[in-house]
Amino acid sequence: MLFHLYVKNLALIDSAEVEFDDGLNILTGETGAGKSVIIGSVNVALGAKASKDLIRQGCDSAYVELVFSVTDEKKRKELEGLDVHPDDDSLIIISKKIMPARRSEEHTSELQSPN
């Protein structure tokens, strides 16, 4: 389950964090508030093409980070079959940095548990 989204310098968004909870989550707001940008940012982090035009005007890059919680054992095994290993807290981070002059950088990583 996606439970945290962080967006920086994407389209009209300077910086935004969205926390999702179990159950139904609804994004509301006036026209132009950035709802579509938030949804689009999830798609970008998951691999959708990202134009350099998405970088906020005056900024060097844009960044999107998704934090997923994977507690279902079947889903964990499927991910591990893809060589993606949730950490001990069942978390996975997927991020994408959009750069103007070169390819975007994509990362999938496990969170390190504080010991």
PDB file of N, CA and C in Angstrom:
ATOM      1  N   MET A   1       0.830  -1.169   0.000  1.00  0.00           N
ATOM      2  CA  MET A   1       0.000   0.000   0.000  1.00  0.00           C
ATOM      3  C   MET A   1       0.886   1.247   0.000  1.00  0.00           C
ATOM      4  N   LEU A   2       0.555   2.192  -0.860  1.00  0.00           N
ATOM      5  CA  LEU A   2       1.240   3.481  -0.846  1.00  0.00           C
ATOM      6  C   LEU A   2       0.794   4.230   0.402  1.00  0.00           C
ATOM      7  N   PHE A   3       1.756   4.618   1.240  1.00  0.00           N
ATOM      8  CA  PHE A   3       1.329   5.374   2.424  1.00  0.00           C
ATOM      9  C   PHE A   3       2.010   6.720   2.561  1.00  0.00           C
ATOM     10  N   HIS A   4       3.025   7.008   1.731  1.00  0.00           N
ATOM     11  CA  HIS A   4       3.650   8.329   1.813  1.00  0.00           C
ATOM     12  C   HIS A   4       4.118   8.740   0.422  1.00  0.00           C
ATOM     13  N   LEU A   5       3.864  10.007   0.077  1.00  0.00           N
ATOM     14  CA  LEU A   5       4.278  10.589  -1.193  1.00  0.00           C
ATOM     15  C   LEU A   5       4.959  11.914  -0.902  1.00  0.00           C
ATOM     16  N   TYR A   6       6.131  12.109  -1.515  1.00  0.00           N
ATOM     17  CA  TYR A   6       6.856  13.368  -1.389  1.00  0.00           C
ATOM     18  C   TYR A   6       7.160  13.866  -2.796  1.00  0.00           C
ATOM     19  N   VAL A   7       6.826  15.113  -3.074  1.00  0.00           N
ATOM     20  CA  VAL A   7       7.052  15.728  -4.385  1.00  0.00           C
ATOM     21  C   VAL A   7       7.783  17.046  -4.176  1.00  0.00           C
ATOM     22  N   LYS A   8       8.807  17.275  -4.996  1.00  0.00           N
ATOM     23  CA  LYS A   8       9.554  18.534  -4.906  1.00  0.00           C
ATOM     24  C   LYS A   8       9.839  19.053  -6.316  1.00  0.00           C
ATOM     25  N   ASN A   9       9.525  20.332  -6.535  1.00  0.00           N
ATOM     26  CA  ASN A   9       9.823  21.045  -7.784  1.00  0.00           C
ATOM     27  C   ASN A   9       9.195  20.408  -9.020  1.00  0.00           C
ATOM     28  N   LEU A  10       8.014  19.869  -8.885  1.00  0.00           N
ATOM     29  CA  LEU A  10       7.322  19.248 -10.007  1.00  0.00           C
ATOM     30  C   LEU A  10       6.135  20.119 -10.409  1.00  0.00           C
ATOM     31  N   ALA A  11       6.165  20.597 -11.658  1.00  0.00           N
ATOM     32  CA  ALA A  11       5.107  21.465 -12.201  1.00  0.00           C
ATOM     33  C   ALA A  11       4.921  22.664 -11.280  1.00  0.00           C
ATOM     34  N   LEU A  12       3.743  22.843 -10.725  1.00  0.00           N
ATOM     35  CA  LEU A  12       3.480  24.008  -9.874  1.00  0.00           C
ATOM     36  C   LEU A  12       3.787  23.749  -8.401  1.00  0.00           C
ATOM     37  N   ILE A  13       4.221  22.539  -8.074  1.00  0.00           N
ATOM     38  CA  ILE A  13       4.465  22.176  -6.667  1.00  0.00           C
ATOM     39  C   ILE A  13       5.907  22.479  -6.271  1.00  0.00           C
ATOM     40  N   ASP A  14       6.057  23.340  -5.265  1.00  0.00           N
ATOM     41  CA  ASP A  14       7.369  23.617  -4.689  1.00  0.00           C
ATOM     42  C   ASP A  14       7.800  22.398  -3.874  1.00  0.00           C
ATOM     43  N   SER A  15       6.974  22.027  -2.918  1.00  0.00           N
ATOM     44  CA  SER A  15       7.231  20.867  -2.080  1.00  0.00           C
ATOM     45  C   SER A  15       5.908  20.427  -1.457  1.00  0.00           C
ATOM     46  N   ALA A  16       5.639  19.122  -1.502  1.00  0.00           N
ATOM     47  CA  ALA A  16       4.396  18.609  -0.913  1.00  0.00           C
ATOM     48  C   ALA A  16       4.615  17.196  -0.392  1.00  0.00           C
ATOM     49  N   GLU A  17       3.966  16.905   0.721  1.00  0.00           N
ATOM     50  CA  GLU A  17       3.960  15.557   1.281  1.00  0.00           C
ATOM     51  C   GLU A  17       2.513  15.153   1.509  1.00  0.00           C
ATOM     52  N   VAL A  18       2.206  13.924   1.136  1.00  0.00           N
ATOM     53  CA  VAL A  18       0.850  13.402   1.317  1.00  0.00           C
ATOM     54  C   VAL A  18       0.964  12.068   2.040  1.00  0.00           C
ATOM     55  N   GLU A  19       0.209  11.927   3.108  1.00  0.00           N
ATOM     56  CA  GLU A  19       0.145  10.674   3.855  1.00  0.00           C
ATOM     57  C   GLU A  19      -1.174   9.979   3.510  1.00  0.00           C
ATOM     58  N   PHE A  20      -1.092   8.704   3.187  1.00  0.00           N
ATOM     59  CA  PHE A  20      -2.282   7.915   2.893  1.00  0.00           C
ATOM     60  C   PHE A  20      -2.502   6.933   4.030  1.00  0.00           C
ATOM     61  N   ASP A  21      -3.752   6.572   4.263  1.00  0.00           N
ATOM     62  CA  ASP A  21      -4.107   5.673   5.347  1.00  0.00           C
ATOM     63  C   ASP A  21      -4.874   4.495   4.773  1.00  0.00           C
ATOM     64  N   ASP A  22      -5.093   3.473   5.584  1.00  0.00           N
ATOM     65  CA  ASP A  22      -5.920   2.344   5.157  1.00  0.00           C
ATOM     66  C   ASP A  22      -7.303   2.849   4.774  1.00  0.00           C
ATOM     67  N   GLY A  23      -7.912   2.189   3.812  1.00  0.00           N
ATOM     68  CA  GLY A  23      -9.263   2.569   3.405  1.00  0.00           C
ATOM     69  C   GLY A  23      -9.244   3.571   2.270  1.00  0.00           C
ATOM     70  N   LEU A  24     -10.322   4.288   2.132  1.00  0.00           N
ATOM     71  CA  LEU A  24     -10.506   5.243   1.052  1.00  0.00           C
ATOM     72  C   LEU A  24      -9.779   6.547   1.354  1.00  0.00           C
ATOM     73  N   ASN A  25      -8.995   7.008   0.391  1.00  0.00           N
ATOM     74  CA  ASN A  25      -8.299   8.293   0.483  1.00  0.00           C
ATOM     75  C   ASN A  25      -8.775   9.142  -0.682  1.00  0.00           C
ATOM     76  N   ILE A  26      -9.155  10.368  -0.419  1.00  0.00           N
ATOM     77  CA  ILE A  26      -9.712  11.241  -1.450  1.00  0.00           C
ATOM     78  C   ILE A  26      -8.911  12.530  -1.502  1.00  0.00           C
ATOM     79  N   LEU A  27      -8.519  12.914  -2.723  1.00  0.00           N
ATOM     80  CA  LEU A  27      -7.853  14.200  -2.938  1.00  0.00           C
ATOM     81  C   LEU A  27      -8.913  15.177  -3.429  1.00  0.00           C
ATOM     82  N   THR A  28      -9.070  16.278  -2.737  1.00  0.00           N
ATOM     83  CA  THR A  28     -10.045  17.286  -3.150  1.00  0.00           C
ATOM     84  C   THR A  28      -9.354  18.642  -3.239  1.00  0.00           C
ATOM     85  N   GLY A  29      -9.995  19.552  -3.925  1.00  0.00           N
ATOM     86  CA  GLY A  29      -9.455  20.901  -4.021  1.00  0.00           C
ATOM     87  C   GLY A  29     -10.004  21.598  -5.242  1.00  0.00           C
ATOM     88  N   GLU A  30      -9.787  22.885  -5.285  1.00  0.00           N
ATOM     89  CA  GLU A  30     -10.275  23.688  -6.401  1.00  0.00           C
ATOM     90  C   GLU A  30      -9.499  23.362  -7.669  1.00  0.00           C
ATOM     91  N   THR A  31     -10.046  23.765  -8.788  1.00  0.00           N
ATOM     92  CA  THR A  31      -9.359  23.633 -10.064  1.00  0.00           C
ATOM     93  C   THR A  31      -8.017  24.353  -9.977  1.00  0.00           C
ATOM     94  N   GLY A  32      -6.968  23.678 -10.418  1.00  0.00           N
ATOM     95  CA  GLY A  32      -5.639  24.277 -10.378  1.00  0.00           C
ATOM     96  C   GLY A  32      -4.902  24.074  -9.075  1.00  0.00           C
ATOM     97  N   ALA A  33      -5.488  23.324  -8.141  1.00  0.00           N
ATOM     98  CA  ALA A  33      -4.850  23.123  -6.835  1.00  0.00           C
ATOM     99  C   ALA A  33      -3.699  22.124  -6.887  1.00  0.00           C
ATOM    100  N   GLY A  34      -3.631  21.302  -7.950  1.00  0.00           N
ATOM    101  CA  GLY A  34      -2.536  20.353  -8.083  1.00  0.00           C
ATOM    102  C   GLY A  34      -2.901  18.899  -7.902  1.00  0.00           C
ATOM    103  N   LYS A  35      -4.192  18.576  -7.881  1.00  0.00           N
ATOM    104  CA  LYS A  35      -4.611  17.173  -7.705  1.00  0.00           C
ATOM    105  C   LYS A  35      -4.043  16.288  -8.807  1.00  0.00           C
ATOM    106  N   SER A  36      -4.152  16.722 -10.051  1.00  0.00           N
ATOM    107  CA  SER A  36      -3.653  15.933 -11.177  1.00  0.00           C
ATOM    108  C   SER A  36      -2.138  15.807 -11.139  1.00  0.00           C
ATOM    109  N   VAL A  37      -1.456  16.826 -10.649  1.00  0.00           N
ATOM    110  CA  VAL A  37       0.000  16.763 -10.530  1.00  0.00           C
ATOM    111  C   VAL A  37       0.382  15.708  -9.494  1.00  0.00           C
ATOM    112  N   ILE A  38      -0.349  15.643  -8.403  1.00  0.00           N
ATOM    113  CA  ILE A  38      -0.082  14.638  -7.366  1.00  0.00           C
ATOM    114  C   ILE A  38      -0.257  13.233  -7.950  1.00  0.00           C
ATOM    115  N   ILE A  39      -1.363  12.987  -8.641  1.00  0.00           N
ATOM    116  CA  ILE A  39      -1.596  11.674  -9.246  1.00  0.00           C
ATOM    117  C   ILE A  39      -0.538  11.399 -10.317  1.00  0.00           C
ATOM    118  N   GLY A  40      -0.241  12.394 -11.138  1.00  0.00           N
ATOM    119  CA  GLY A  40       0.780  12.235 -12.167  1.00  0.00           C
ATOM    120  C   GLY A  40       2.151  11.932 -11.596  1.00  0.00           C
ATOM    121  N   SER A  41       2.451  12.495 -10.439  1.00  0.00           N
ATOM    122  CA  SER A  41       3.758  12.260  -9.826  1.00  0.00           C
ATOM    123  C   SER A  41       3.921  10.791  -9.425  1.00  0.00           C
ATOM    124  N   VAL A  42       2.836  10.159  -8.996  1.00  0.00           N
ATOM    125  CA  VAL A  42       2.883   8.731  -8.678  1.00  0.00           C
ATOM    126  C   VAL A  42       3.230   7.952  -9.946  1.00  0.00           C
ATOM    127  N   ASN A  43       2.565   8.284 -11.055  1.00  0.00           N
ATOM    128  CA  ASN A  43       2.845   7.613 -12.322  1.00  0.00           C
ATOM    129  C   ASN A  43       4.296   7.807 -12.748  1.00  0.00           C
ATOM    130  N   VAL A  44       4.823   9.015 -12.578  1.00  0.00           N
ATOM    131  CA  VAL A  44       6.216   9.305 -12.945  1.00  0.00           C
ATOM    132  C   VAL A  44       7.166   8.432 -12.127  1.00  0.00           C
ATOM    133  N   ALA A  45       6.955   8.360 -10.827  1.00  0.00           N
ATOM    134  CA  ALA A  45       7.831   7.557  -9.972  1.00  0.00           C
ATOM    135  C   ALA A  45       7.753   6.073 -10.322  1.00  0.00           C
ATOM    136  N   LEU A  46       6.593   5.644 -10.825  1.00  0.00           N
ATOM    137  CA  LEU A  46       6.426   4.233 -11.187  1.00  0.00           C
ATOM    138  C   LEU A  46       6.873   3.923 -12.605  1.00  0.00           C
ATOM    139  N   GLY A  47       7.430   4.928 -13.304  1.00  0.00           N
ATOM    140  CA  GLY A  47       8.024   4.644 -14.602  1.00  0.00           C
ATOM    141  C   GLY A  47       7.448   5.357 -15.795  1.00  0.00           C
ATOM    142  N   ALA A  48       6.398   6.145 -15.624  1.00  0.00           N
ATOM    143  CA  ALA A  48       5.847   6.890 -16.759  1.00  0.00           C
ATOM    144  C   ALA A  48       6.891   7.880 -17.266  1.00  0.00           C
ATOM    145  N   LYS A  49       6.835   8.176 -18.548  1.00  0.00           N
ATOM    146  CA  LYS A  49       7.786   9.143 -19.107  1.00  0.00           C
ATOM    147  C   LYS A  49       7.603  10.495 -18.432  1.00  0.00           C
ATOM    148  N   ALA A  50       8.726  11.130 -18.176  1.00  0.00           N
ATOM    149  CA  ALA A  50       8.714  12.428 -17.502  1.00  0.00           C
ATOM    150  C   ALA A  50       9.436  13.440 -18.368  1.00  0.00           C
ATOM    151  N   SER A  51       8.720  14.383 -18.863  1.00  0.00           N
ATOM    152  CA  SER A  51       9.311  15.443 -19.673  1.00  0.00           C
ATOM    153  C   SER A  51      10.066  16.415 -18.777  1.00  0.00           C
ATOM    154  N   LYS A  52      11.144  16.977 -19.316  1.00  0.00           N
ATOM    155  CA  LYS A  52      11.873  17.990 -18.544  1.00  0.00           C
ATOM    156  C   LYS A  52      10.996  19.212 -18.297  1.00  0.00           C
ATOM    157  N   ASP A  53       9.901  19.352 -19.059  1.00  0.00           N
ATOM    158  CA  ASP A  53       8.965  20.454 -18.845  1.00  0.00           C
ATOM    159  C   ASP A  53       8.222  20.332 -17.517  1.00  0.00           C
ATOM    160  N   LEU A  54       8.286  19.145 -16.890  1.00  0.00           N
ATOM    161  CA  LEU A  54       7.649  18.966 -15.583  1.00  0.00           C
ATOM    162  C   LEU A  54       8.431  19.632 -14.456  1.00  0.00           C
ATOM    163  N   ILE A  55       9.683  19.946 -14.715  1.00  0.00           N
ATOM    164  CA  ILE A  55      10.506  20.586 -13.678  1.00  0.00           C
ATOM    165  C   ILE A  55       9.983  22.001 -13.450  1.00  0.00           C
ATOM    166  N   ARG A  56       9.749  22.328 -12.197  1.00  0.00           N
ATOM    167  CA  ARG A  56       9.232  23.644 -11.837  1.00  0.00           C
ATOM    168  C   ARG A  56      10.153  24.740 -12.373  1.00  0.00           C
ATOM    169  N   GLN A  57       9.557  25.774 -12.918  1.00  0.00           N
ATOM    170  CA  GLN A  57      10.320  26.863 -13.515  1.00  0.00           C
ATOM    171  C   GLN A  57      11.323  27.435 -12.515  1.00  0.00           C
ATOM    172  N   GLY A  58      12.571  27.587 -12.958  1.00  0.00           N
ATOM    173  CA  GLY A  58      13.618  28.133 -12.105  1.00  0.00           C
ATOM    174  C   GLY A  58      14.349  27.102 -11.269  1.00  0.00           C
ATOM    175  N   CYS A  59      13.983  25.822 -11.388  1.00  0.00           N
ATOM    176  CA  CYS A  59      14.610  24.761 -10.592  1.00  0.00           C
ATOM    177  C   CYS A  59      15.492  23.874 -11.468  1.00  0.00           C
ATOM    178  N   ASP A  60      16.487  23.261 -10.862  1.00  0.00           N
ATOM    179  CA  ASP A  60      17.433  22.404 -11.585  1.00  0.00           C
ATOM    180  C   ASP A  60      16.910  20.990 -11.828  1.00  0.00           C
ATOM    181  N   SER A  61      16.005  20.530 -10.966  1.00  0.00           N
ATOM    182  CA  SER A  61      15.494  19.169 -11.081  1.00  0.00           C
ATOM    183  C   SER A  61      14.172  19.061 -10.335  1.00  0.00           C
ATOM    184  N   ALA A  62      13.488  17.949 -10.561  1.00  0.00           N
ATOM    185  CA  ALA A  62      12.270  17.626  -9.810  1.00  0.00           C
ATOM    186  C   ALA A  62      12.488  16.255  -9.175  1.00  0.00           C
ATOM    187  N   TYR A  63      11.755  15.977  -8.100  1.00  0.00           N
ATOM    188  CA  TYR A  63      11.957  14.733  -7.361  1.00  0.00           C
ATOM    189  C   TYR A  63      10.617  14.213  -6.852  1.00  0.00           C
ATOM    190  N   VAL A  64      10.422  12.905  -6.994  1.00  0.00           N
ATOM    191  CA  VAL A  64       9.226  12.244  -6.469  1.00  0.00           C
ATOM    192  C   VAL A  64       9.674  11.018  -5.691  1.00  0.00           C
ATOM    193  N   GLU A  65       9.097  10.828  -4.510  1.00  0.00           N
ATOM    194  CA  GLU A  65       9.418   9.667  -3.693  1.00  0.00           C
ATOM    195  C   GLU A  65       8.134   9.023  -3.197  1.00  0.00           C
ATOM    196  N   LEU A  66       8.039   7.715  -3.377  1.00  0.00           N
ATOM    197  CA  LEU A  66       6.898   6.939  -2.892  1.00  0.00           C
ATOM    198  C   LEU A  66       7.402   5.968  -1.830  1.00  0.00           C
ATOM    199  N   VAL A  67       6.652   5.827  -0.743  1.00  0.00           N
ATOM    200  CA  VAL A  67       6.982   4.832   0.276  1.00  0.00           C
ATOM    201  C   VAL A  67       5.795   3.883   0.368  1.00  0.00           C
ATOM    202  N   PHE A  68       6.086   2.618   0.117  1.00  0.00           N
ATOM    203  CA  PHE A  68       5.068   1.576   0.158  1.00  0.00           C
ATOM    204  C   PHE A  68       5.280   0.692   1.370  1.00  0.00           C
ATOM    205  N   SER A  69       4.177   0.235   1.932  1.00  0.00           N
ATOM    206  CA  SER A  69       4.201  -0.771   2.978  1.00  0.00           C
ATOM    207  C   SER A  69       3.681  -2.065   2.366  1.00  0.00           C
ATOM    208  N   VAL A  70       4.476  -3.125   2.466  1.00  0.00           N
ATOM    209  CA  VAL A  70       4.101  -4.408   1.872  1.00  0.00           C
ATOM    210  C   VAL A  70       4.030  -5.437   2.994  1.00  0.00           C
ATOM    211  N   THR A  71       2.842  -5.609   3.543  1.00  0.00           N
ATOM    212  CA  THR A  71       2.677  -6.533   4.665  1.00  0.00           C
ATOM    213  C   THR A  71       2.100  -7.877   4.247  1.00  0.00           C
ATOM    214  N   ASP A  72       1.472  -7.937   3.086  1.00  0.00           N
ATOM    215  CA  ASP A  72       0.898  -9.189   2.594  1.00  0.00           C
ATOM    216  C   ASP A  72       2.031 -10.130   2.179  1.00  0.00           C
ATOM    217  N   GLU A  73       2.060 -11.320   2.757  1.00  0.00           N
ATOM    218  CA  GLU A  73       3.163 -12.257   2.517  1.00  0.00           C
ATOM    219  C   GLU A  73       3.257 -12.679   1.050  1.00  0.00           C
ATOM    220  N   LYS A  74       2.130 -12.860   0.384  1.00  0.00           N
ATOM    221  CA  LYS A  74       2.143 -13.237  -1.034  1.00  0.00           C
ATOM    222  C   LYS A  74       2.795 -12.130  -1.882  1.00  0.00           C
ATOM    223  N   LYS A  75       2.470 -10.875  -1.598  1.00  0.00           N
ATOM    224  CA  LYS A  75       3.056  -9.755  -2.336  1.00  0.00           C
ATOM    225  C   LYS A  75       4.543  -9.629  -2.043  1.00  0.00           C
ATOM    226  N   ARG A  76       4.929  -9.882  -0.801  1.00  0.00           N
ATOM    227  CA  ARG A  76       6.357  -9.841  -0.443  1.00  0.00           C
ATOM    228  C   ARG A  76       7.140 -10.863  -1.245  1.00  0.00           C
ATOM    229  N   LYS A  77       6.595 -12.080  -1.351  1.00  0.00           N
ATOM    230  CA  LYS A  77       7.267 -13.149  -2.092  1.00  0.00           C
ATOM    231  C   LYS A  77       7.355 -12.799  -3.576  1.00  0.00           C
ATOM    232  N   GLU A  78       6.289 -12.206  -4.131  1.00  0.00           N
ATOM    233  CA  GLU A  78       6.313 -11.797  -5.536  1.00  0.00           C
ATOM    234  C   GLU A  78       7.385 -10.724  -5.763  1.00  0.00           C
ATOM    235  N   LEU A  79       7.474  -9.760  -4.864  1.00  0.00           N
ATOM    236  CA  LEU A  79       8.506  -8.725  -4.977  1.00  0.00           C
ATOM    237  C   LEU A  79       9.904  -9.314  -4.850  1.00  0.00           C
ATOM    238  N   GLU A  80      10.081 -10.229  -3.911  1.00  0.00           N
ATOM    239  CA  GLU A  80      11.385 -10.850  -3.730  1.00  0.00           C
ATOM    240  C   GLU A  80      11.776 -11.646  -4.967  1.00  0.00           C
ATOM    241  N   GLY A  81      10.789 -12.208  -5.678  1.00  0.00           N
ATOM    242  CA  GLY A  81      11.052 -12.883  -6.944  1.00  0.00           C
ATOM    243  C   GLY A  81      11.566 -11.921  -8.007  1.00  0.00           C
ATOM    244  N   LEU A  82      11.286 -10.640  -7.839  1.00  0.00           N
ATOM    245  CA  LEU A  82      11.777  -9.590  -8.737  1.00  0.00           C
ATOM    246  C   LEU A  82      13.040  -8.932  -8.183  1.00  0.00           C
ATOM    247  N   ASP A  83      13.592  -9.531  -7.128  1.00  0.00           N
ATOM    248  CA  ASP A  83      14.787  -9.027  -6.448  1.00  0.00           C
ATOM    249  C   ASP A  83      14.560  -7.662  -5.789  1.00  0.00           C
ATOM    250  N   VAL A  84      13.340  -7.450  -5.304  1.00  0.00           N
ATOM    251  CA  VAL A  84      12.994  -6.264  -4.521  1.00  0.00           C
ATOM    252  C   VAL A  84      12.638  -6.774  -3.132  1.00  0.00           C
ATOM    253  N   HIS A  85      13.386  -6.316  -2.138  1.00  0.00           N
ATOM    254  CA  HIS A  85      13.239  -6.851  -0.789  1.00  0.00           C
ATOM    255  C   HIS A  85      12.808  -5.771   0.195  1.00  0.00           C
ATOM    256  N   PRO A  86      11.563  -5.841   0.661  1.00  0.00           N
ATOM    257  CA  PRO A  86      11.138  -4.905   1.705  1.00  0.00           C
ATOM    258  C   PRO A  86      12.016  -5.079   2.945  1.00  0.00           C
ATOM    259  N   ASP A  87      12.184  -3.998   3.703  1.00  0.00           N
ATOM    260  CA  ASP A  87      12.997  -4.077   4.911  1.00  0.00           C
ATOM    261  C   ASP A  87      12.223  -4.786   6.017  1.00  0.00           C
ATOM    262  N   ASP A  88      12.802  -4.822   7.202  1.00  0.00           N
ATOM    263  CA  ASP A  88      12.170  -5.511   8.331  1.00  0.00           C
ATOM    264  C   ASP A  88      10.825  -4.901   8.706  1.00  0.00           C
ATOM    265  N   ASP A  89      10.629  -3.618   8.386  1.00  0.00           N
ATOM    266  CA  ASP A  89       9.356  -2.951   8.666  1.00  0.00           C
ATOM    267  C   ASP A  89       8.401  -3.044   7.478  1.00  0.00           C
ATOM    268  N   SER A  90       8.757  -3.855   6.473  1.00  0.00           N
ATOM    269  CA  SER A  90       7.936  -4.087   5.271  1.00  0.00           C
ATOM    270  C   SER A  90       7.825  -2.861   4.378  1.00  0.00           C
ATOM    271  N   LEU A  91       8.851  -2.009   4.357  1.00  0.00           N
ATOM    272  CA  LEU A  91       8.802  -0.775   3.576  1.00  0.00           C
ATOM    273  C   LEU A  91       9.698  -0.852   2.343  1.00  0.00           C
ATOM    274  N   ILE A  92       9.230  -0.202   1.269  1.00  0.00           N
ATOM    275  CA  ILE A  92       9.994  -0.049   0.033  1.00  0.00           C
ATOM    276  C   ILE A  92       9.868   1.406  -0.399  1.00  0.00           C
ATOM    277  N   ILE A  93      10.985   2.007  -0.819  1.00  0.00           N
ATOM    278  CA  ILE A  93      10.977   3.372  -1.345  1.00  0.00           C
ATOM    279  C   ILE A  93      11.277   3.315  -2.829  1.00  0.00           C
ATOM    280  N   ILE A  94      10.462   4.014  -3.605  1.00  0.00           N
ATOM    281  CA  ILE A  94      10.710   4.187  -5.037  1.00  0.00           C
ATOM    282  C   ILE A  94      10.807   5.686  -5.268  1.00  0.00           C
ATOM    283  N   SER A  95      11.876   6.116  -5.944  1.00  0.00           N
ATOM    284  CA  SER A  95      12.040   7.541  -6.195  1.00  0.00           C
ATOM    285  C   SER A  95      12.492   7.790  -7.621  1.00  0.00           C
ATOM    286  N   LYS A  96      12.229   8.999  -8.077  1.00  0.00           N
ATOM    287  CA  LYS A  96      12.672   9.406  -9.401  1.00  0.00           C
ATOM    288  C   LYS A  96      13.062  10.873  -9.350  1.00  0.00           C
ATOM    289  N   LYS A  97      14.240  11.157  -9.899  1.00  0.00           N
ATOM    290  CA  LYS A  97      14.719  12.523 -10.009  1.00  0.00           C
ATOM    291  C   LYS A  97      14.720  12.876 -11.492  1.00  0.00           C
ATOM    292  N   ILE A  98      14.038  13.950 -11.838  1.00  0.00           N
ATOM    293  CA  ILE A  98      13.940  14.385 -13.227  1.00  0.00           C
ATOM    294  C   ILE A  98      14.955  15.486 -13.448  1.00  0.00           C
ATOM    295  N   MET A  99      15.823  15.262 -14.422  1.00  0.00           N
ATOM    296  CA  MET A  99      16.893  16.205 -14.737  1.00  0.00           C
ATOM    297  C   MET A  99      16.643  16.774 -16.133  1.00  0.00           C
ATOM    298  N   PRO A 100      17.003  18.031 -16.376  1.00  0.00           N
ATOM    299  CA  PRO A 100      16.716  18.634 -17.685  1.00  0.00           C
ATOM    300  C   PRO A 100      17.604  18.146 -18.824  1.00  0.00           C
ATOM    301  N   ALA A 101      18.871  17.848 -18.564  1.00  0.00           N
ATOM    302  CA  ALA A 101      19.801  17.595 -19.658  1.00  0.00           C
ATOM    303  C   ALA A 101      20.179  16.131 -19.841  1.00  0.00           C
ATOM    304  N   ARG A 102      19.705  15.258 -18.956  1.00  0.00           N
ATOM    305  CA  ARG A 102      20.062  13.847 -19.093  1.00  0.00           C
ATOM    306  C   ARG A 102      18.908  12.986 -18.629  1.00  0.00           C
ATOM    307  N   ARG A 103      19.107  11.707 -18.689  1.00  0.00           N
ATOM    308  CA  ARG A 103      18.048  10.785 -18.296  1.00  0.00           C
ATOM    309  C   ARG A 103      17.714  10.947 -16.814  1.00  0.00           C
ATOM    310  N   SER A 104      16.464  10.697 -16.488  1.00  0.00           N
ATOM    311  CA  SER A 104      16.041  10.757 -15.096  1.00  0.00           C
ATOM    312  C   SER A 104      16.651   9.592 -14.326  1.00  0.00           C
ATOM    313  N   GLU A 105      16.793   9.777 -13.035  1.00  0.00           N
ATOM    314  CA  GLU A 105      17.351   8.736 -12.181  1.00  0.00           C
ATOM    315  C   GLU A 105      16.223   8.068 -11.412  1.00  0.00           C
ATOM    316  N   GLU A 106      16.140   6.730 -11.517  1.00  0.00           N
ATOM    317  CA  GLU A 106      15.125   5.972 -10.800  1.00  0.00           C
ATOM    318  C   GLU A 106      15.808   5.105  -9.754  1.00  0.00           C
ATOM    319  N   HIS A 107      15.186   5.000  -8.596  1.00  0.00           N
ATOM    320  CA  HIS A 107      15.750   4.193  -7.516  1.00  0.00           C
ATOM    321  C   HIS A 107      14.646   3.426  -6.809  1.00  0.00           C
ATOM    322  N   THR A 108      14.959   2.198  -6.460  1.00  0.00           N
ATOM    323  CA  THR A 108      14.125   1.416  -5.570  1.00  0.00           C
ATOM    324  C   THR A 108      15.037   0.979  -4.449  1.00  0.00           C
ATOM    325  N   SER A 109      14.643   1.235  -3.227  1.00  0.00           N
ATOM    326  CA  SER A 109      15.513   0.859  -2.132  1.00  0.00           C
ATOM    327  C   SER A 109      14.700   0.420  -0.939  1.00  0.00           C
ATOM    328  N   GLU A 110      15.373  -0.328  -0.106  1.00  0.00           N
ATOM    329  CA  GLU A 110      14.768  -0.743   1.149  1.00  0.00           C
ATOM    330  C   GLU A 110      15.177   0.286   2.202  1.00  0.00           C
ATOM    331  N   LEU A 111      14.287   0.604   3.095  1.00  0.00           N
ATOM    332  CA  LEU A 111      14.627   1.495   4.203  1.00  0.00           C
ATOM    333  C   LEU A 111      15.499   0.763   5.195  1.00  0.00           C
ATOM    334  N   GLN A 112      16.407   1.458   5.781  1.00  0.00           N
ATOM    335  CA  GLN A 112      17.240   0.876   6.812  1.00  0.00           C
ATOM    336  C   GLN A 112      16.562   1.062   8.156  1.00  0.00           C
ATOM    337  N   SER A 113      16.398  -0.013   8.876  1.00  0.00           N
ATOM    338  CA  SER A 113      15.782   0.053  10.192  1.00  0.00           C
ATOM    339  C   SER A 113      16.756   0.625  11.193  1.00  0.00           C
ATOM    340  N   PRO A 114      16.318   1.625  11.991  1.00  0.00           N
ATOM    341  CA  PRO A 114      17.222   2.161  13.024  1.00  0.00           C
ATOM    342  C   PRO A 114      17.472   1.101  14.091  1.00  0.00           C
ATOM    343  N   ASN A 115      18.716   0.911  14.450  1.00  0.00           N
ATOM    344  CA  ASN A 115      19.063  -0.093  15.478  1.00  0.00           C
ATOM    345  C   ASN A 115      19.617   0.556  16.689  1.00  0.00           C
TER     346      ASN A 115
END
